[in-house]
Amino acid sequence: MDKVISVNPRDDFHLELVFDTGEARIFDARPFLDKGVLRRLRDPALFRQAYVAYDTVCWPGNLDLAPETLYDCSVAA
């Protein structure tokens, strides 16, 4: 399983990610912002607080996305 080692949230609800393989990818979070608790990430201020913990991307309030989802639903940077 790929592990996220770096995240840079962008203003357009995209995440610039670096995985432990050295691969850089771009994840578009917009399709996920209408699902369950992830609706809270529609707040740009909260979205920009993304950080890496437990090998994936997390946000305050116990929000996170699985690293497999981040990888599978992203494109090469």
Protein backbone atom coordinates (compact mmCIF):
# COMPACT_ATOMS: atom_id res chain seq x y z
CA MET A 1 0.00 0.00 0.00
CA ASP A 2 1.23 3.47 -0.88
CA LYS A 3 1.71 5.89 1.97
CA VAL A 4 1.21 9.65 1.70
CA ILE A 5 4.28 11.55 2.88
CA SER A 6 3.38 15.08 1.80
CA VAL A 7 0.23 17.08 1.06
CA ASN A 8 -0.29 20.58 -0.28
CA PRO A 9 -3.95 21.66 -0.36
CA ARG A 10 -4.85 24.03 -3.19
CA ASP A 11 -7.61 26.63 -3.32
CA ASP A 12 -9.49 24.66 -6.02
CA PHE A 13 -10.17 21.69 -3.67
CA HIS A 14 -7.30 19.71 -5.14
CA LEU A 15 -4.52 18.11 -3.15
CA GLU A 16 -0.94 17.88 -4.34
CA LEU A 17 0.31 14.60 -2.93
CA VAL A 18 3.65 12.84 -2.68
CA PHE A 19 3.67 9.12 -1.91
CA ASP A 20 6.45 7.11 -0.30
CA THR A 21 7.29 5.75 -3.75
CA GLY A 22 8.36 9.28 -4.72
CA GLU A 23 5.37 9.62 -7.03
CA ALA A 24 3.69 13.05 -7.15
CA ARG A 25 -0.05 13.03 -7.86
CA ILE A 26 -3.02 15.44 -7.92
CA PHE A 27 -6.27 14.48 -6.20
CA ASP A 28 -9.52 16.30 -7.03
CA ALA A 29 -11.57 16.24 -3.81
CA ARG A 30 -14.66 17.91 -5.30
CA PRO A 31 -16.53 14.64 -6.08
CA PHE A 32 -16.17 13.62 -2.42
CA LEU A 33 -17.44 16.87 -0.89
CA ASP A 34 -21.08 15.78 -1.10
CA LYS A 35 -20.53 12.54 0.84
CA GLY A 36 -21.27 12.16 4.54
CA VAL A 37 -18.95 13.91 6.96
CA LEU A 38 -16.73 15.06 4.10
CA ARG A 39 -19.32 17.77 3.40
CA ARG A 40 -17.55 19.75 6.10
CA LEU A 41 -14.54 20.05 3.78
CA ARG A 42 -16.53 22.39 1.51
CA ASP A 43 -15.31 25.09 3.91
CA PRO A 44 -12.13 26.30 2.15
CA ALA A 45 -10.52 27.27 5.45
CA LEU A 46 -10.95 23.73 6.78
CA PHE A 47 -9.87 22.11 3.50
CA ARG A 48 -6.59 24.09 3.58
CA GLN A 49 -5.80 22.58 7.00
CA ALA A 50 -5.00 19.18 5.45
CA TYR A 51 -2.03 17.41 7.00
CA VAL A 52 -0.38 14.00 6.83
CA ALA A 53 -0.90 11.53 9.68
CA TYR A 54 -1.16 7.76 9.81
CA ASP A 55 0.19 7.54 6.22
CA THR A 56 -2.74 9.47 4.74
CA VAL A 57 -4.32 12.93 4.53
CA CYS A 58 -6.29 14.12 7.57
CA TRP A 59 -8.14 17.23 8.67
CA PRO A 60 -9.16 18.52 12.09
CA GLY A 61 -12.32 16.88 13.41
CA ASN A 62 -11.24 13.29 12.69
CA LEU A 63 -11.67 13.63 8.93
CA ASP A 64 -9.49 11.59 6.58
CA LEU A 65 -9.39 9.80 3.26
CA ALA A 66 -7.87 6.36 2.76
CA PRO A 67 -4.48 6.42 1.01
CA GLU A 68 -5.81 3.88 -1.52
CA THR A 69 -8.61 6.29 -2.47
CA LEU A 70 -6.16 9.17 -2.74
CA TYR A 71 -3.93 7.16 -5.05
CA ASP A 72 -6.59 5.44 -7.15
CA CYS A 73 -8.60 8.64 -7.70
CA SER A 74 -5.65 10.90 -8.48
CA VAL A 75 -3.61 11.60 -11.59
CA ALA A 76 0.12 11.94 -12.09
CA ALA A 77 1.35 15.47 -11.42
